[in-house]
Amino acid sequence: MNFSLHSTDIAVFSAYVLGLLAIALWISRSEKKEGANTEDYFLASKALPWWAIGASLIASNISAEQIIGMSGSGYAMGLAIASYEWMAAITLILVGKYMLPIFLKQQIYTMPQYLAQRYDDRVKTTMAVFWLAVYVFVNLTAVLWLGGLAIETVAGVDALYGMMFLVVFSVAYSLYGGLKAVAFTDILQVTLLVFGGLFLSYLALDAVSDGQGVLAGFGVLTEQVPTHFDMILSPDNAHYMSLPGLSVLIGGMWVMNFSYWGFNQYIIQRALAAKDLNEAQKGIAFAAYLKLLMPLIVVLPGIAAVVLYPDLTAPDKAYPSMMSLMPVGIKGLVFAALVAAIVSSLASMTNSISTIFTMDIYKKLHAEKSQSHYVNVGRVTALLALIVALLVAKPLLGQFEQAFQYIQEFTGFFTPGIVVIFVMGMFYKGTTANGALAAAFGSALFSLSLKFALPSLPFMDRVGLVFVLCLLLCFLVSKLFKAHERESQGRSECVQLSDVSFATNTGFNVAALGVVVILIALYATWW
């Protein structure tokens, strides 16, 4: 089902693109005669305010596969898919409280840099190479491919041309200005995404109630499709393998959320660019409240589509179908919001790829170069990453549904080990580099073994079980080889928890309490 855009919509979309580029170039201008240094380019001069941090976190997170995919999941399984968004809100609060103070105290640019400080260069290099491979060949490629398909579905433009446009757009507004250009333009992106999404939800509910209004429309949905408002699925539910009951509250979803929101370079880099810890924590809290709002924007239209378009050939056609409700002109604006989400994710990923490659790999090999040289290396790296992703997208990922399953499966193999490496490194002084490496490789081994030995085990439960196994493996290896490792390395841990304050101000504590109260109310209402 393709929906070509009216000429007015195209004009609105074009005006948005040109406006965004103009703003990005204005933001990117440098007041320094010698040009930007690495802190300017990769960490936005460490001067991001809280509102830019929060908006950029969400803009980096929301992309085509989330908007279209979660609406499709809303169509197929209902509100239960919102657990990914709502549990992320409480995860963000915990990251802001317990992890950001450690990262900002160490004044790091990248996650591998922290691993070098806490463990050694073996762990740093292993994880840097791993993240670069995943970001280029899994995340970046997937966002580009699924973004091209989204443009094809909504606008009727061939997916290949859509991907080429996304690459050019991303390069044009982010390559020169770095993280500063990405973060500040994300404010516009998120504003458009939120208000465009809320307007679509309004139109959807109004259409469901035959013009009787939003509240009447919501009442019709709860009456006609009551099972789509079950938050905790039972084992006899057809979608239990995707969302296995209480595991969304006490199981593997925590592992996936901490990996994504706490230790993922292209997410956490925004908080690392804050001018101080207080500003970073306010930004994290702001992002948490935006996550609470997201199901209203991306899941509710999918549920409404069950009533309005019950005969769709595929669930992921729900969001494009709902866009047909939009009046001319507004549809172009909402399409711009969709593209904005895709391009923001692309820009965030390429900036993080360039940061990790330049600061963790290239700088170690070429330590005496100038700051401007490292910035240029970062720009070239970002451009090459996009070109590689464009070339391998179609042959590597193939069809949409297969691609999405492949991404989830691939990252799930390594997520438990990553979380163990960071959590043990942060909060257990006895963890060694050998223990961290054992967790990294054990994660893949345990995941593959369980996948074939217990194929009926839900993906999320497998992630939780592998996390526990990696935790035990890391502890045992650290204990058994601790004395030998100290002798061979002659070094002690650089990261000391005694130097870090986990105290938070009243504003953050009130915001955290608000998130908890809202979550309790939501789950109590639609359990």
Protein backbone atom coordinates (compact mmCIF):
# COMPACT_ATOMS: atom_id res chain seq x y z
CA MET A 1 0.00 0.00 0.00
CA ASN A 2 1.84 3.14 -1.18
CA PHE A 3 0.76 6.69 -0.47
CA SER A 4 2.16 9.34 -2.78
CA LEU A 5 2.39 12.86 -1.38
CA HIS A 6 0.44 15.86 -2.68
CA SER A 7 2.47 18.73 -4.15
CA THR A 8 1.61 20.83 -1.09
CA ASP A 9 2.99 18.11 1.18
CA ILE A 10 6.17 17.98 -0.90
CA ALA A 11 6.53 21.76 -0.61
CA VAL A 12 6.08 21.61 3.18
CA PHE A 13 8.59 18.77 3.43
CA SER A 14 11.13 20.59 1.24
CA ALA A 15 10.79 23.76 3.33
CA TYR A 16 11.46 21.72 6.46
CA VAL A 17 14.59 20.10 4.99
CA LEU A 18 16.03 23.44 3.82
CA GLY A 19 15.18 25.10 7.14
CA LEU A 20 16.86 22.34 9.13
CA LEU A 21 20.01 22.55 7.00
CA ALA A 22 20.18 26.32 7.47
CA ILE A 23 19.82 25.98 11.25
CA ALA A 24 22.46 23.22 11.38
CA LEU A 25 24.98 25.33 9.43
CA TRP A 26 24.31 28.30 11.72
CA ILE A 27 24.81 26.16 14.83
CA SER A 28 27.97 24.61 13.37
CA ARG A 29 29.80 27.87 12.86
CA SER A 30 32.97 28.05 14.97
CA GLU A 31 34.01 31.16 16.85
CA LYS A 32 37.55 29.81 17.17
CA LYS A 33 40.05 30.95 14.57
CA GLU A 34 41.86 27.60 14.69
CA GLY A 35 38.62 25.66 14.20
CA ALA A 36 36.97 22.97 16.28
CA ASN A 37 38.93 20.63 18.55
CA THR A 38 37.93 17.08 19.52
CA GLU A 39 35.93 18.24 22.53
CA ASP A 40 34.01 20.70 20.35
CA TYR A 41 33.30 18.19 17.59
CA PHE A 42 32.69 14.95 19.53
CA LEU A 43 31.27 16.37 22.79
CA ALA A 44 29.72 19.70 21.67
CA SER A 45 32.31 21.64 23.72
CA LYS A 46 30.86 19.91 26.84
CA ALA A 47 28.26 22.64 27.02
CA LEU A 48 24.92 20.98 26.19
CA PRO A 49 21.98 22.21 28.31
CA TRP A 50 19.51 19.75 29.81
CA TRP A 51 16.75 20.37 27.27
CA ALA A 52 19.11 19.66 24.36
CA ILE A 53 20.37 16.49 26.07
CA GLY A 54 16.86 15.13 26.70
CA ALA A 55 15.55 15.97 23.24
CA SER A 56 18.63 14.56 21.53
CA LEU A 57 18.45 11.32 23.54
CA ILE A 58 14.93 10.69 22.28
CA ALA A 59 15.66 11.82 18.71
CA SER A 60 18.62 9.41 18.59
CA ASN A 61 16.42 6.61 19.90
CA ILE A 62 13.30 7.07 17.77
CA SER A 63 13.71 5.99 14.15
CA ALA A 64 11.79 4.41 11.30
CA GLU A 65 11.84 0.90 12.69
CA GLN A 66 10.51 2.16 16.02
CA ILE A 67 7.75 4.41 14.66
CA ILE A 68 6.54 1.98 11.99
CA GLY A 69 7.54 -1.18 13.85
CA MET A 70 5.96 -0.27 17.18
CA SER A 71 2.79 0.90 15.48
CA GLY A 72 2.73 -2.45 13.73
CA SER A 73 3.24 -4.21 17.06
CA GLY A 74 0.43 -2.10 18.51
CA TYR A 75 -1.76 -3.35 15.64
CA ALA A 76 -0.75 -6.98 16.23
CA MET A 77 -0.39 -7.30 20.01
CA GLY A 78 -1.62 -4.05 21.52
CA LEU A 79 -0.45 -1.90 24.41
CA ALA A 80 1.89 -4.59 25.80
CA ILE A 81 4.59 -3.43 23.36
CA ALA A 82 4.62 -0.10 25.25
CA SER A 83 6.60 -1.86 27.99
CA TYR A 84 9.72 -1.17 25.93
CA GLU A 85 9.04 2.56 26.23
CA TRP A 86 7.70 2.73 29.77
CA MET A 87 10.39 0.51 31.33
CA ALA A 88 13.00 2.61 29.50
CA ALA A 89 11.79 5.62 31.51
CA ILE A 90 12.72 4.06 34.86
CA THR A 91 15.97 2.75 33.33
CA LEU A 92 16.93 6.30 32.36
CA ILE A 93 16.38 7.47 35.94
CA LEU A 94 18.66 4.70 37.27
CA VAL A 95 21.31 5.52 34.66
CA GLY A 96 21.19 9.18 35.67
CA LYS A 97 21.44 8.32 39.37
CA TYR A 98 24.11 5.59 39.43
CA MET A 99 26.04 5.52 36.14
CA LEU A 100 26.36 9.07 34.85
CA PRO A 101 28.24 10.23 37.99
CA ILE A 102 30.92 7.61 37.32
CA PHE A 103 31.25 8.40 33.60
CA LEU A 104 31.37 12.17 34.06
CA LYS A 105 33.85 11.87 36.94
CA GLN A 106 36.24 10.07 34.58
CA GLN A 107 35.83 12.79 31.89
CA ILE A 108 35.59 10.23 29.08
CA TYR A 109 34.73 10.64 25.41
CA THR A 110 33.69 7.03 24.78
CA MET A 111 32.56 3.83 26.45
CA PRO A 112 35.76 1.96 25.38
CA GLN A 113 37.79 4.72 27.05
CA TYR A 114 36.08 3.95 30.34
CA LEU A 115 36.88 0.25 29.88
CA ALA A 116 40.57 1.11 29.38
CA GLN A 117 40.56 3.08 32.65
CA ARG A 118 38.76 0.36 34.58
CA TYR A 119 40.33 -2.75 33.00
CA ASP A 120 43.02 -2.61 30.33
CA ASP A 121 43.62 -1.96 26.62
CA ARG A 122 42.61 -5.53 25.71
CA VAL A 123 39.06 -4.99 26.94
CA LYS A 124 38.94 -1.51 25.42
CA THR A 125 40.14 -2.60 21.96
CA THR A 126 37.95 -5.72 21.91
CA MET A 127 34.81 -3.75 22.70
CA ALA A 128 35.74 -0.81 20.44
CA VAL A 129 36.11 -3.11 17.42
CA PHE A 130 32.91 -4.93 18.37
CA TRP A 131 30.90 -1.70 18.68
CA LEU A 132 32.25 -0.32 15.40
CA ALA A 133 31.22 -3.52 13.58
CA VAL A 134 27.75 -3.55 15.17
CA TYR A 135 27.13 0.17 14.61
CA VAL A 136 28.14 0.03 10.93
CA PHE A 137 26.88 -3.38 9.82
CA VAL A 138 23.83 -3.77 12.09
CA ASN A 139 22.50 -0.48 13.53
CA LEU A 140 23.46 2.04 10.86
CA THR A 141 22.67 -0.33 8.01
CA ALA A 142 19.32 -1.26 9.53
CA VAL A 143 18.19 2.32 10.16
CA LEU A 144 19.19 3.26 6.61
CA TRP A 145 17.49 0.24 5.00
CA LEU A 146 14.30 0.43 7.05
CA GLY A 147 14.26 4.21 6.57
CA GLY A 148 14.42 3.73 2.80
CA LEU A 149 11.52 1.28 2.98
CA ALA A 150 9.54 3.72 5.12
CA ILE A 151 9.99 6.47 2.54
CA GLU A 152 8.98 4.06 -0.21
CA THR A 153 5.82 3.05 1.68
CA VAL A 154 4.73 6.56 2.60
CA ALA A 155 5.89 8.64 -0.37
CA GLY A 156 6.05 6.08 -3.20
CA VAL A 157 9.77 6.77 -3.82
CA ASP A 158 12.02 3.79 -4.55
CA ALA A 159 13.81 2.60 -1.38
CA LEU A 160 17.27 2.97 -2.95
CA TYR A 161 16.66 6.64 -3.79
CA GLY A 162 15.19 7.09 -0.32
CA MET A 163 18.38 5.73 1.27
CA MET A 164 20.55 7.95 -0.92
CA PHE A 165 18.51 10.98 0.14
CA LEU A 166 18.89 10.02 3.82
CA VAL A 167 22.67 9.72 3.47
CA VAL A 168 22.99 13.10 1.74
CA PHE A 169 20.65 14.78 4.24
CA SER A 170 22.52 13.31 7.21
CA VAL A 171 25.92 14.32 5.83
CA ALA A 172 24.75 17.83 4.94
CA TYR A 173 23.62 18.77 8.42
CA SER A 174 25.83 16.75 10.78
CA LEU A 175 29.25 16.12 9.19
CA TYR A 176 30.61 19.64 9.60
CA GLY A 177 29.21 20.58 13.00
CA GLY A 178 29.53 17.24 14.80
CA LEU A 179 27.57 16.51 17.97
CA LYS A 180 26.65 20.16 18.55
CA ALA A 181 24.79 20.36 15.21
CA VAL A 182 23.10 17.01 15.86
CA ALA A 183 22.02 17.77 19.43
CA PHE A 184 20.60 21.25 18.87
CA THR A 185 18.75 20.40 15.65
CA ASP A 186 17.32 17.38 17.52
CA ILE A 187 15.26 19.86 19.54
CA LEU A 188 13.40 20.81 16.37
CA GLN A 189 13.20 17.16 15.30
CA VAL A 190 11.67 15.99 18.58
CA THR A 191 9.23 18.90 18.73
CA LEU A 192 7.97 18.03 15.27
CA LEU A 193 7.90 14.32 16.06
CA VAL A 194 5.93 14.75 19.28
CA PHE A 195 3.36 17.24 18.03
CA GLY A 196 2.98 15.49 14.67
CA GLY A 197 2.53 12.16 16.43
CA LEU A 198 0.03 13.55 18.93
CA PHE A 199 -1.96 15.12 16.10
CA LEU A 200 -2.06 11.77 14.28
CA SER A 201 -3.28 10.07 17.46
CA TYR A 202 -5.95 12.76 17.82
CA LEU A 203 -7.15 12.19 14.25
CA ALA A 204 -7.11 8.43 14.76
CA LEU A 205 -9.23 8.53 17.92
CA ASP A 206 -11.61 11.06 16.39
CA ALA A 207 -12.02 8.82 13.32
CA VAL A 208 -12.68 5.76 15.50
CA SER A 209 -15.52 7.61 17.27
CA ASP A 210 -16.96 9.01 13.99
CA GLY A 211 -16.11 12.57 14.99
CA GLN A 212 -17.24 12.32 18.62
CA GLY A 213 -13.85 13.27 20.01
CA VAL A 214 -10.73 11.76 21.57
CA LEU A 215 -12.25 10.41 24.80
CA ALA A 216 -15.12 8.78 22.91
CA GLY A 217 -12.62 7.25 20.48
CA PHE A 218 -10.54 5.80 23.31
CA GLY A 219 -13.70 4.34 24.81
CA VAL A 220 -14.55 2.68 21.48
CA LEU A 221 -11.07 1.12 21.31
CA THR A 222 -11.21 -0.32 24.83
CA GLU A 223 -14.67 -1.70 24.09
CA GLN A 224 -14.01 -3.18 20.63
CA VAL A 225 -10.45 -4.50 21.16
CA PRO A 226 -10.12 -5.02 24.95
CA THR A 227 -7.34 -7.62 24.62
CA HIS A 228 -5.16 -4.97 22.98
CA PHE A 229 -5.01 -3.20 26.36
CA ASP A 230 -3.47 -6.11 28.31
CA MET A 231 0.01 -5.04 29.48
CA ILE A 232 1.20 -8.40 30.88
CA LEU A 233 0.63 -11.23 28.41
CA SER A 234 -0.23 -14.78 29.53
CA PRO A 235 1.57 -17.90 28.20
CA ASP A 236 -1.40 -18.79 26.00
CA ASN A 237 -1.12 -15.45 24.16
CA ALA A 238 0.18 -15.73 20.60
CA HIS A 239 2.75 -12.98 21.29
CA TYR A 240 4.09 -14.44 24.55
CA MET A 241 7.42 -15.35 22.88
CA SER A 242 8.01 -11.64 22.16
CA LEU A 243 6.76 -10.30 25.52
CA PRO A 244 6.89 -13.15 28.05
CA GLY A 245 4.65 -12.01 30.88
CA LEU A 246 6.38 -10.69 33.99
CA SER A 247 9.78 -10.76 32.28
CA VAL A 248 9.03 -7.28 30.98
CA LEU A 249 9.05 -6.10 34.60
CA ILE A 250 11.62 -8.30 36.37
CA GLY A 251 13.53 -10.13 33.63
CA GLY A 252 15.60 -9.70 30.52
CA MET A 253 14.13 -6.34 29.49
CA TRP A 254 16.19 -4.70 32.25
CA VAL A 255 19.36 -6.12 30.69
CA MET A 256 18.44 -4.84 27.23
CA ASN A 257 17.46 -1.42 28.58
CA PHE A 258 20.64 -0.93 30.60
CA SER A 259 22.75 -1.96 27.62
CA TYR A 260 20.95 0.49 25.35
CA TRP A 261 20.45 3.50 27.63
CA GLY A 262 23.46 3.15 29.92
CA PHE A 263 26.35 1.76 27.87
CA ASN A 264 25.49 2.58 24.27
CA GLN A 265 27.85 5.20 22.83
CA TYR A 266 25.42 6.93 20.48
CA ILE A 267 22.92 7.36 23.31
CA ILE A 268 25.10 8.17 26.32
CA GLN A 269 27.34 10.54 24.32
CA ARG A 270 24.73 13.28 24.76
CA ALA A 271 25.00 13.06 28.54
CA LEU A 272 28.82 12.98 28.34
CA ALA A 273 28.58 16.34 26.55
CA ALA A 274 26.75 18.05 29.42
CA LYS A 275 28.38 21.05 31.06
CA ASP A 276 28.05 19.33 34.47
CA LEU A 277 26.45 16.35 36.20
CA ASN A 278 23.39 18.28 37.36
CA GLU A 279 22.62 19.36 33.79
CA ALA A 280 23.11 15.79 32.52
CA GLN A 281 20.74 14.38 35.14
CA LYS A 282 18.06 16.97 34.32
CA GLY A 283 18.39 16.00 30.65
CA ILE A 284 18.04 12.31 31.52
CA ALA A 285 14.90 13.03 33.57
CA PHE A 286 13.41 15.06 30.70
CA ALA A 287 14.08 12.14 28.33
CA ALA A 288 12.36 9.76 30.79
CA TYR A 289 9.14 11.77 30.63
CA LEU A 290 9.32 11.87 26.83
CA LYS A 291 9.61 8.06 26.87
CA LEU A 292 6.42 7.86 28.95
CA LEU A 293 4.70 9.88 26.21
CA MET A 294 5.99 7.81 23.27
CA PRO A 295 3.35 5.01 23.31
CA LEU A 296 0.69 7.69 22.79
CA ILE A 297 2.53 8.68 19.62
CA VAL A 298 3.69 5.35 18.16
CA VAL A 299 1.52 2.58 19.70
CA LEU A 300 -1.95 4.15 19.92
CA PRO A 301 -2.25 4.77 16.13
CA GLY A 302 -1.50 1.08 15.59
CA ILE A 303 -4.30 0.02 17.95
CA ALA A 304 -6.70 2.46 16.28
CA ALA A 305 -5.80 0.92 12.91
CA VAL A 306 -7.27 -2.40 14.13
CA VAL A 307 -10.70 -0.75 14.08
CA LEU A 308 -10.20 1.53 11.07
CA TYR A 309 -8.22 -0.86 8.83
CA PRO A 310 -8.89 -4.40 10.11
CA ASP A 311 -7.81 -6.11 6.87
CA LEU A 312 -4.22 -4.89 6.47
CA THR A 313 -1.95 -7.44 4.81
CA ALA A 314 0.87 -6.73 7.28
CA PRO A 315 0.88 -5.05 10.72
CA ASP A 316 3.65 -2.65 9.72
CA LYS A 317 1.32 -1.00 7.22
CA ALA A 318 -0.65 0.41 10.16
CA TYR A 319 1.28 3.69 10.52
CA PRO A 320 1.38 4.54 6.77
CA SER A 321 -2.34 3.71 6.59
CA MET A 322 -3.10 6.05 9.47
CA MET A 323 -1.17 8.83 7.74
CA SER A 324 -3.86 8.82 5.06
CA LEU A 325 -6.11 10.49 7.68
CA MET A 326 -3.90 13.56 7.59
CA PRO A 327 -5.10 16.65 5.69
CA VAL A 328 -2.96 17.92 2.82
CA GLY A 329 -0.02 19.95 4.09
CA ILE A 330 -0.09 18.42 7.55
CA LYS A 331 0.73 15.04 6.00
CA GLY A 332 3.91 16.59 4.59
CA LEU A 333 4.81 17.85 8.06
CA VAL A 334 4.27 14.43 9.66
CA PHE A 335 6.27 12.81 6.86
CA ALA A 336 9.01 15.32 7.68
CA ALA A 337 8.83 14.16 11.32
CA LEU A 338 9.26 10.56 10.21
CA VAL A 339 12.29 11.42 8.07
CA ALA A 340 13.63 13.64 10.86
CA ALA A 341 13.60 10.68 13.24
CA ILE A 342 15.50 8.54 10.73
CA VAL A 343 18.11 11.17 9.91
CA SER A 344 18.64 12.05 13.57
CA SER A 345 19.41 8.41 14.36
CA LEU A 346 21.78 8.18 11.37
CA ALA A 347 23.60 11.34 12.43
CA SER A 348 23.89 10.15 16.03
CA MET A 349 25.28 6.77 15.00
CA THR A 350 27.81 8.17 12.53
CA ASN A 351 29.01 10.71 15.10
CA SER A 352 29.53 7.92 17.63
CA ILE A 353 31.26 5.70 15.07
CA SER A 354 33.67 8.52 14.26
CA THR A 355 34.22 9.23 17.97
CA ILE A 356 35.09 5.62 18.86
CA PHE A 357 37.32 5.10 15.80
CA THR A 358 39.16 8.41 16.19
CA MET A 359 39.59 8.53 19.98
CA ASP A 360 39.98 4.81 20.79
CA ILE A 361 41.79 3.39 17.77
CA TYR A 362 43.29 6.05 15.47
CA LYS A 363 44.58 8.38 18.22
CA LYS A 364 46.37 5.49 19.92
CA LEU A 365 48.26 4.75 16.67
CA HIS A 366 48.87 8.43 15.82
CA ALA A 367 49.24 10.17 19.16
CA GLU A 368 51.09 13.32 18.09
CA LYS A 369 48.62 14.75 15.57
CA SER A 370 46.82 18.07 15.92
CA GLN A 371 43.27 18.50 17.23
CA SER A 372 42.04 19.59 13.80
CA HIS A 373 43.57 16.45 12.29
CA TYR A 374 41.54 14.22 14.63
CA VAL A 375 38.37 16.18 13.82
CA ASN A 376 38.96 15.66 10.07
CA VAL A 377 39.61 11.96 10.64
CA GLY A 378 36.28 11.82 12.47
CA ARG A 379 34.49 13.47 9.55
CA VAL A 380 36.02 11.09 7.01
CA THR A 381 35.15 8.11 9.22
CA ALA A 382 31.51 9.22 9.50
CA LEU A 383 31.24 9.65 5.73
CA LEU A 384 32.83 6.26 5.00
CA ALA A 385 30.53 4.55 7.51
CA LEU A 386 27.46 5.93 5.74
CA ILE A 387 28.80 4.90 2.31
CA VAL A 388 29.51 1.35 3.54
CA ALA A 389 26.04 1.10 5.10
CA LEU A 390 24.44 2.30 1.86
CA LEU A 391 26.34 -0.28 -0.20
CA VAL A 392 25.64 -3.29 2.04
CA ALA A 393 22.10 -2.43 3.23
CA LYS A 394 20.05 -4.35 0.68
CA PRO A 395 22.28 -7.42 0.18
CA LEU A 396 22.96 -7.76 3.92
CA LEU A 397 19.50 -7.24 5.37
CA GLY A 398 17.13 -8.28 2.59
CA GLN A 399 13.48 -8.12 3.59
CA PHE A 400 12.15 -5.89 6.36
CA GLU A 401 10.82 -8.51 8.78
CA GLN A 402 13.85 -10.75 8.40
CA ALA A 403 16.13 -7.77 8.93
CA PHE A 404 14.41 -6.69 12.12
CA GLN A 405 14.51 -10.22 13.56
CA TYR A 406 18.16 -10.52 12.61
CA ILE A 407 19.03 -7.26 14.39
CA GLN A 408 17.24 -8.26 17.58
CA GLU A 409 18.79 -11.72 17.56
CA PHE A 410 22.33 -10.53 16.80
CA THR A 411 22.49 -7.79 19.42
CA GLY A 412 20.82 -10.07 21.98
CA PHE A 413 23.78 -12.44 21.78
CA PHE A 414 26.14 -9.80 23.19
CA THR A 415 23.91 -7.55 25.31
CA PRO A 416 24.15 -9.63 28.56
CA GLY A 417 27.95 -9.69 28.45
CA ILE A 418 28.18 -5.93 27.86
CA VAL A 419 25.96 -5.19 30.86
CA VAL A 420 27.98 -7.55 33.06
CA ILE A 421 31.29 -5.91 32.03
CA PHE A 422 30.05 -2.44 33.00
CA VAL A 423 27.98 -3.27 36.07
CA MET A 424 30.66 -5.51 37.60
CA GLY A 425 33.35 -3.00 36.69
CA MET A 426 31.45 -0.16 38.32
CA PHE A 427 30.19 -1.78 41.48
CA TYR A 428 32.52 -4.73 42.27
CA LYS A 429 36.13 -3.74 42.85
CA GLY A 430 37.41 -7.30 42.48
CA THR A 431 36.39 -7.60 38.81
CA THR A 432 39.43 -8.14 36.55
CA ALA A 433 40.08 -7.67 32.85
CA ASN A 434 40.13 -11.44 32.34
CA GLY A 435 36.75 -11.67 34.03
CA ALA A 436 35.40 -8.96 31.72
CA LEU A 437 36.71 -10.71 28.60
CA ALA A 438 35.24 -14.02 29.82
CA ALA A 439 31.83 -12.34 30.15
CA ALA A 440 32.12 -10.84 26.65
CA PHE A 441 32.90 -14.11 24.91
CA GLY A 442 30.73 -16.17 27.26
CA SER A 443 27.72 -14.05 26.31
CA ALA A 444 27.90 -15.17 22.68
CA LEU A 445 28.63 -18.79 23.62
CA PHE A 446 25.81 -19.08 26.17
CA SER A 447 23.32 -17.32 23.88
CA LEU A 448 24.04 -19.60 20.91
CA SER A 449 23.91 -22.71 23.09
CA LEU A 450 20.56 -21.79 24.62
CA LYS A 451 19.12 -20.76 21.25
CA PHE A 452 19.64 -24.28 19.88
CA ALA A 453 19.18 -26.24 23.12
CA LEU A 454 15.99 -24.44 24.22
CA PRO A 455 14.34 -23.03 21.08
CA SER A 456 11.03 -22.57 22.93
CA LEU A 457 12.63 -20.22 25.48
CA PRO A 458 11.44 -16.63 24.82
CA PHE A 459 14.16 -14.29 23.57
CA MET A 460 13.79 -11.96 26.56
CA ASP A 461 14.06 -14.81 29.08
CA ARG A 462 17.17 -16.08 27.29
CA VAL A 463 18.79 -12.66 27.64
CA GLY A 464 18.06 -12.66 31.38
CA LEU A 465 19.40 -16.19 31.87
CA VAL A 466 22.59 -15.47 29.90
CA PHE A 467 23.12 -12.34 32.01
CA VAL A 468 23.10 -14.42 35.20
CA LEU A 469 25.50 -16.98 33.66
CA CYS A 470 27.87 -14.21 32.52
CA LEU A 471 27.71 -12.60 35.95
CA LEU A 472 28.80 -15.87 37.57
CA LEU A 473 31.50 -16.48 34.96
CA CYS A 474 32.92 -12.98 35.39
CA PHE A 475 33.00 -13.38 39.18
CA LEU A 476 34.66 -16.81 39.08
CA VAL A 477 37.31 -15.87 36.51
CA SER A 478 38.08 -12.67 38.42
CA LYS A 479 38.52 -14.63 41.65
CA LEU A 480 40.58 -17.46 40.16
CA PHE A 481 43.00 -15.31 38.14
CA LYS A 482 43.09 -12.12 40.22
CA ALA A 483 46.55 -12.61 41.74
CA HIS A 484 48.11 -13.58 38.40
CA GLU A 485 46.54 -10.62 36.61
CA ARG A 486 47.82 -8.12 39.18
CA GLU A 487 51.35 -9.51 38.86
CA SER A 488 51.31 -9.42 35.06
CA GLN A 489 49.80 -5.95 34.76
CA GLY A 490 51.19 -4.23 37.84
CA ARG A 491 48.24 -1.87 37.95
CA SER A 492 45.22 -1.17 40.16
CA GLU A 493 41.77 0.04 39.27
CA CYS A 494 41.73 3.67 38.09
CA VAL A 495 38.01 4.12 38.77
CA GLN A 496 37.29 4.45 42.49
CA LEU A 497 33.69 4.57 43.69
CA SER A 498 34.84 6.34 46.86
CA ASP A 499 35.60 9.39 44.69
CA VAL A 500 32.10 9.49 43.19
CA SER A 501 29.03 11.10 44.77
CA PHE A 502 25.68 9.52 43.97
CA ALA A 503 23.72 12.25 45.78
CA THR A 504 21.05 13.89 43.60
CA ASN A 505 19.24 17.18 44.07
CA THR A 506 15.60 17.63 45.02
CA GLY A 507 14.48 18.32 41.44
CA PHE A 508 15.87 15.04 40.14
CA ASN A 509 14.43 13.10 43.09
CA VAL A 510 10.95 14.59 42.54
CA ALA A 511 11.18 13.79 38.81
CA ALA A 512 12.23 10.21 39.60
CA LEU A 513 9.35 9.77 42.03
CA GLY A 514 6.96 11.11 39.39
CA VAL A 515 8.16 8.51 36.86
CA VAL A 516 7.65 5.70 39.39
CA VAL A 517 4.15 6.88 40.35
CA ILE A 518 3.09 7.21 36.68
CA LEU A 519 4.41 3.72 35.86
CA ILE A 520 2.59 2.17 38.83
CA ALA A 521 -0.63 3.87 37.73
CA LEU A 522 -0.25 2.73 34.11
CA TYR A 523 0.41 -0.92 34.98
CA ALA A 524 -2.26 -0.95 37.67
CA THR A 525 -4.80 0.34 35.13
CA TRP A 526 -3.96 -2.02 32.24
CA TRP A 527 -2.37 -5.02 33.91
